[in-house]
Amino acid sequence: MTVHLEVAEGVGTLRLDRPPMNALDVATQDRLKELAEEITRREDVRAVVIHGGEKVFAAGADIKEMQAMDHAAMVLRARALQDSFTAVARIPKPVVAAVTGYALGGGCELALCADFRIAGENAKLGQPEILLGLIPGAGGTQRLARLIGPSRAKDLIFTGRQVKADEALALGLVDRVVPAAEVYEQAHAWAARLAKGPAIALRAAKESIDTGLETDIDTGLAVERNWFAGLFATEDRERGMRSFVEDGPGKAKFL
């Protein structure tokens, strides 16, 4: 298998394992979708880390495999490609990408599917598809523009240039830059902290934010309102408010 799922103490690590560069071939794309759907179902996975290893996150698609595809073949494959990444983006739990080395093309698009991105000082990110006479096809034109704004996204996509970790941080493409040796540790710590939080409320927060970004504000407010009221039916809400009243803020322990 080219992607593995490891679960410990509520944190699931999606680990890419296709040396030397973790090229995202069709089999890897399909495996990502399969595991993302499994994570969505599993109650013992409460937060997720996506990691490619110490040297590289993912250097993009398998170009040799793509070169062999003609127009008819890609018409049939393009939706499945997007669906695999969308399955990751729609995991209803906190997801952090631990980015070391190259995150290019599909690798960058996979990182964009996370809620938070921690990059090593050795990270290089970009959407170089234009250099192949293509555009990003796994969500890059949509998720990148939503994350860093259309002008900055067009700069990266039009030129195909790579950005180092410090520029990626300035652009808002990553959220934290740390020494490369600490990337997975810090990403896991972020996930582990949230794995102890109220699972349904975290799901509500993620869905409300993501839906709101994709629709008008009135629809977004309706989603928020429905989730907010609905959470009053949960045990976590009772536990959290009781702990606040009896012990003070920030001390609730959720199941």
Protein backbone atom coordinates (compact mmCIF):
# COMPACT_ATOMS: atom_id res chain seq x y z
CA MET A 1 0.00 0.00 0.00
CA THR A 2 1.23 3.50 -0.82
CA VAL A 3 -0.72 5.20 1.99
CA HIS A 4 -0.97 3.87 5.54
CA LEU A 5 -3.27 4.79 8.41
CA GLU A 6 -1.79 4.60 11.90
CA VAL A 7 -4.04 5.34 14.88
CA ALA A 8 -2.89 6.07 18.42
CA GLU A 9 -4.62 7.95 21.24
CA GLY A 10 -7.29 9.44 19.02
CA VAL A 11 -4.91 10.69 16.31
CA GLY A 12 -4.86 9.07 12.89
CA THR A 13 -1.74 9.58 10.78
CA LEU A 14 -2.21 9.30 7.03
CA ARG A 15 1.31 8.43 5.95
CA LEU A 16 2.31 8.59 2.29
CA ASP A 17 4.74 5.82 1.43
CA ARG A 18 5.74 5.76 -2.23
CA PRO A 19 9.48 6.38 -2.38
CA PRO A 20 11.40 8.25 -3.43
CA MET A 21 9.10 11.27 -3.94
CA ASN A 22 5.62 10.07 -2.94
CA ALA A 23 4.31 10.65 -6.46
CA LEU A 24 0.52 10.51 -6.36
CA ASP A 25 -0.37 7.87 -8.92
CA VAL A 26 -3.89 6.55 -9.49
CA ALA A 27 -3.50 3.78 -6.90
CA THR A 28 -2.35 6.31 -4.27
CA GLN A 29 -5.23 8.65 -5.08
CA ASP A 30 -7.74 5.83 -4.68
CA ARG A 31 -6.12 4.72 -1.44
CA LEU A 32 -6.35 8.27 -0.06
CA LYS A 33 -10.07 8.31 -0.76
CA GLU A 34 -10.56 4.89 0.83
CA LEU A 35 -8.72 5.87 4.01
CA ALA A 36 -10.36 9.31 4.23
CA GLU A 37 -13.76 7.62 4.16
CA GLU A 38 -12.60 5.13 6.81
CA ILE A 39 -11.38 7.97 9.04
CA THR A 40 -14.73 9.71 8.63
CA ARG A 41 -16.51 6.60 9.93
CA ARG A 42 -14.16 5.67 12.76
CA GLU A 43 -15.05 7.05 16.18
CA ASP A 44 -11.58 6.26 17.55
CA VAL A 45 -10.01 8.75 15.10
CA ARG A 46 -10.71 12.24 16.41
CA ALA A 47 -8.00 14.25 14.60
CA VAL A 48 -5.70 13.58 11.65
CA VAL A 49 -2.12 14.23 10.56
CA ILE A 50 -1.13 13.93 6.88
CA HIS A 51 2.58 13.21 6.57
CA GLY A 52 4.92 12.18 3.78
CA GLY A 53 7.99 11.39 5.84
CA GLU A 54 11.07 13.33 6.88
CA LYS A 55 12.36 14.20 3.40
CA VAL A 56 9.35 14.87 1.16
CA PHE A 57 5.61 15.43 1.52
CA ALA A 58 4.59 14.66 -2.06
CA ALA A 59 6.28 15.91 -5.21
CA GLY A 60 3.15 15.78 -7.36
CA ALA A 61 1.40 13.40 -9.71
CA ASP A 62 3.06 10.46 -11.41
CA ILE A 63 3.97 12.24 -14.67
CA LYS A 64 4.92 9.05 -16.53
CA GLU A 65 1.52 7.58 -15.70
CA MET A 66 -0.26 10.76 -16.79
CA GLN A 67 1.76 11.02 -20.01
CA ALA A 68 0.29 7.70 -21.14
CA MET A 69 -3.27 9.00 -20.77
CA ASP A 70 -5.09 10.57 -23.70
CA HIS A 71 -8.02 12.96 -23.53
CA ALA A 72 -10.63 10.20 -23.28
CA ALA A 73 -8.77 8.51 -20.44
CA MET A 74 -8.45 11.74 -18.44
CA VAL A 75 -12.10 12.63 -18.98
CA LEU A 76 -12.87 9.37 -17.18
CA ARG A 77 -10.21 9.89 -14.49
CA ALA A 78 -10.46 13.61 -13.66
CA ARG A 79 -13.56 13.30 -11.46
CA ALA A 80 -12.07 10.40 -9.51
CA LEU A 81 -8.91 12.46 -8.98
CA GLN A 82 -10.88 15.35 -7.52
CA ASP A 83 -13.09 13.02 -5.49
CA SER A 84 -10.08 11.50 -3.75
CA PHE A 85 -8.87 14.90 -2.56
CA THR A 86 -12.39 16.08 -1.72
CA ALA A 87 -12.79 13.04 0.53
CA VAL A 88 -9.76 14.25 2.50
CA ALA A 89 -11.02 17.84 2.61
CA ARG A 90 -14.39 16.68 3.92
CA ILE A 91 -13.11 14.59 6.80
CA PRO A 92 -15.34 16.03 9.55
CA LYS A 93 -12.49 16.19 12.05
CA PRO A 94 -9.47 18.47 12.48
CA VAL A 95 -6.78 17.70 9.89
CA VAL A 96 -3.21 19.03 9.87
CA ALA A 97 -0.67 18.60 7.09
CA ALA A 98 2.92 18.02 8.23
CA VAL A 99 4.93 19.30 5.26
CA THR A 100 8.60 18.52 4.82
CA GLY A 101 10.54 18.93 1.59
CA TYR A 102 8.59 19.18 -1.63
CA ALA A 103 4.82 19.68 -1.71
CA LEU A 104 4.28 20.34 -5.39
CA GLY A 105 1.32 19.93 -7.73
CA GLY A 106 -0.89 17.24 -6.24
CA GLY A 107 1.23 17.35 -3.09
CA CYS A 108 0.42 21.01 -2.59
CA GLU A 109 -3.23 20.30 -3.38
CA LEU A 110 -3.27 17.57 -0.74
CA ALA A 111 -1.86 19.99 1.84
CA LEU A 112 -4.59 22.46 0.87
CA CYS A 113 -7.19 19.85 1.92
CA ALA A 114 -6.03 20.14 5.53
CA ASP A 115 -7.38 22.63 8.07
CA PHE A 116 -3.90 23.66 9.19
CA ARG A 117 -0.44 23.34 7.66
CA ILE A 118 2.83 23.05 9.57
CA ALA A 119 5.88 23.26 7.31
CA GLY A 120 9.52 22.49 7.85
CA GLU A 121 12.16 25.07 7.10
CA ASN A 122 13.14 22.85 4.14
CA ALA A 123 9.66 22.89 2.60
CA LYS A 124 9.01 24.02 -0.97
CA LEU A 125 5.45 24.38 -2.20
CA GLY A 126 3.93 25.20 -5.55
CA GLN A 127 1.57 24.39 -8.41
CA PRO A 128 3.91 23.78 -11.37
CA GLU A 129 1.29 22.25 -13.70
CA ILE A 130 1.46 25.21 -16.09
CA LEU A 131 5.01 24.13 -16.95
CA LEU A 132 3.50 20.93 -18.35
CA GLY A 133 0.89 22.80 -20.35
CA LEU A 134 -1.76 21.99 -17.73
CA ILE A 135 -3.55 23.53 -14.76
CA PRO A 136 -4.04 22.05 -11.28
CA GLY A 137 -6.71 19.35 -11.47
CA ALA A 138 -7.15 18.16 -7.89
CA GLY A 139 -8.68 21.32 -6.49
CA GLY A 140 -5.73 23.69 -6.66
CA THR A 141 -7.43 26.44 -8.64
CA GLN A 142 -10.25 26.50 -6.10
CA ARG A 143 -8.70 25.78 -2.69
CA LEU A 144 -5.56 27.86 -3.24
CA ALA A 145 -7.54 30.94 -4.28
CA ARG A 146 -9.85 30.56 -1.29
CA LEU A 147 -6.90 30.23 1.06
CA ILE A 148 -4.52 32.98 -0.11
CA GLY A 149 -6.72 35.09 -2.41
CA PRO A 150 -7.11 35.10 -6.20
CA SER A 151 -4.17 37.36 -7.10
CA ARG A 152 -1.62 35.40 -5.10
CA ALA A 153 -3.07 32.12 -6.34
CA LYS A 154 -2.83 33.31 -9.94
CA ASP A 155 0.79 34.29 -9.43
CA LEU A 156 1.68 30.79 -8.26
CA ILE A 157 -0.46 28.98 -10.81
CA PHE A 158 0.38 31.19 -13.81
CA THR A 159 4.15 31.02 -13.21
CA GLY A 160 4.42 27.52 -11.74
CA ARG A 161 7.10 28.82 -9.39
CA GLN A 162 8.02 27.15 -6.12
CA VAL A 163 7.99 29.04 -2.83
CA LYS A 164 10.15 28.30 0.17
CA ALA A 165 8.72 27.96 3.65
CA ASP A 166 9.21 31.59 4.69
CA GLU A 167 7.39 32.93 1.64
CA ALA A 168 4.67 30.29 2.00
CA LEU A 169 4.13 31.54 5.55
CA ALA A 170 3.95 35.17 4.40
CA LEU A 171 1.43 34.22 1.70
CA GLY A 172 -0.74 32.31 4.18
CA LEU A 173 -0.10 29.05 2.32
CA VAL A 174 1.22 27.49 5.53
CA ASP A 175 0.39 28.43 9.10
CA ARG A 176 3.59 27.63 10.98
CA VAL A 177 7.24 27.03 10.05
CA VAL A 178 9.42 24.90 12.31
CA PRO A 179 12.72 23.01 12.01
CA ALA A 180 12.26 20.09 9.62
CA ALA A 181 13.00 17.53 12.33
CA GLU A 182 10.12 18.87 14.44
CA VAL A 183 7.37 18.97 11.81
CA TYR A 184 5.65 15.68 12.56
CA GLU A 185 6.04 16.09 16.32
CA GLN A 186 4.42 19.53 16.28
CA ALA A 187 1.68 18.44 13.87
CA HIS A 188 0.89 15.43 16.05
CA ALA A 189 0.79 17.65 19.16
CA TRP A 190 -1.71 19.97 17.42
CA ALA A 191 -3.88 17.00 16.47
CA ALA A 192 -3.57 15.34 19.88
CA ARG A 193 -4.74 18.49 21.62
CA LEU A 194 -7.86 18.66 19.46
CA ALA A 195 -8.46 14.91 19.75
CA LYS A 196 -9.27 15.57 23.41
CA GLY A 197 -11.87 18.21 22.50
CA PRO A 198 -15.63 17.90 21.95
CA ALA A 199 -15.89 15.89 18.73
CA ILE A 200 -19.35 17.01 17.66
CA ALA A 201 -18.64 20.70 18.33
CA LEU A 202 -15.40 20.47 16.35
CA ARG A 203 -17.28 18.88 13.48
CA ALA A 204 -19.88 21.66 13.71
CA ALA A 205 -17.21 24.35 13.65
CA LYS A 206 -15.46 22.84 10.63
CA GLU A 207 -18.65 22.35 8.64
CA SER A 208 -19.91 25.85 9.47
CA ILE A 209 -16.67 27.52 8.38
CA ASP A 210 -16.22 25.44 5.23
CA THR A 211 -19.84 25.77 4.14
CA GLY A 212 -19.80 29.49 4.80
CA LEU A 213 -16.77 29.94 2.56
CA GLU A 214 -18.56 28.20 -0.28
CA THR A 215 -21.89 30.03 -0.10
CA ASP A 216 -23.51 33.36 0.77
CA ILE A 217 -23.42 34.70 4.31
CA ASP A 218 -27.13 34.10 4.99
CA THR A 219 -26.76 30.42 4.19
CA GLY A 220 -23.60 30.27 6.26
CA LEU A 221 -25.34 31.89 9.20
CA ALA A 222 -28.20 29.40 8.90
CA VAL A 223 -25.75 26.49 9.05
CA GLU A 224 -24.05 28.06 12.08
CA ARG A 225 -27.39 28.70 13.79
CA ASN A 226 -28.62 25.15 13.29
CA TRP A 227 -25.40 23.62 14.58
CA PHE A 228 -25.24 26.05 17.53
CA ALA A 229 -28.74 25.16 18.67
CA GLY A 230 -28.23 21.46 17.97
CA LEU A 231 -25.17 21.27 20.19
CA PHE A 232 -27.40 22.01 23.17
CA ALA A 233 -28.61 18.42 22.81
CA THR A 234 -25.13 16.95 23.32
CA GLU A 235 -23.49 15.54 26.42
CA ASP A 236 -20.33 17.49 25.59
CA ARG A 237 -22.23 20.77 25.89
CA GLU A 238 -23.59 19.73 29.28
CA ARG A 239 -20.14 18.62 30.42
CA GLY A 240 -18.44 21.77 29.16
CA MET A 241 -20.88 24.21 30.75
CA ARG A 242 -21.00 22.31 34.03
CA SER A 243 -17.22 22.31 34.24
CA PHE A 244 -17.11 26.05 33.48
CA VAL A 245 -19.59 26.85 36.25
CA GLU A 246 -18.04 24.52 38.83
CA ASP A 247 -14.32 24.65 38.03
CA GLY A 248 -13.72 27.65 35.76
CA PRO A 249 -12.92 27.92 32.04
CA GLY A 250 -10.85 25.49 30.05
CA LYS A 251 -10.93 22.54 32.43
CA ALA A 252 -13.65 20.34 30.89
CA LYS A 253 -12.68 16.80 29.93
CA PHE A 254 -14.66 15.46 26.97
CA LEU A 255 -15.37 11.84 26.14
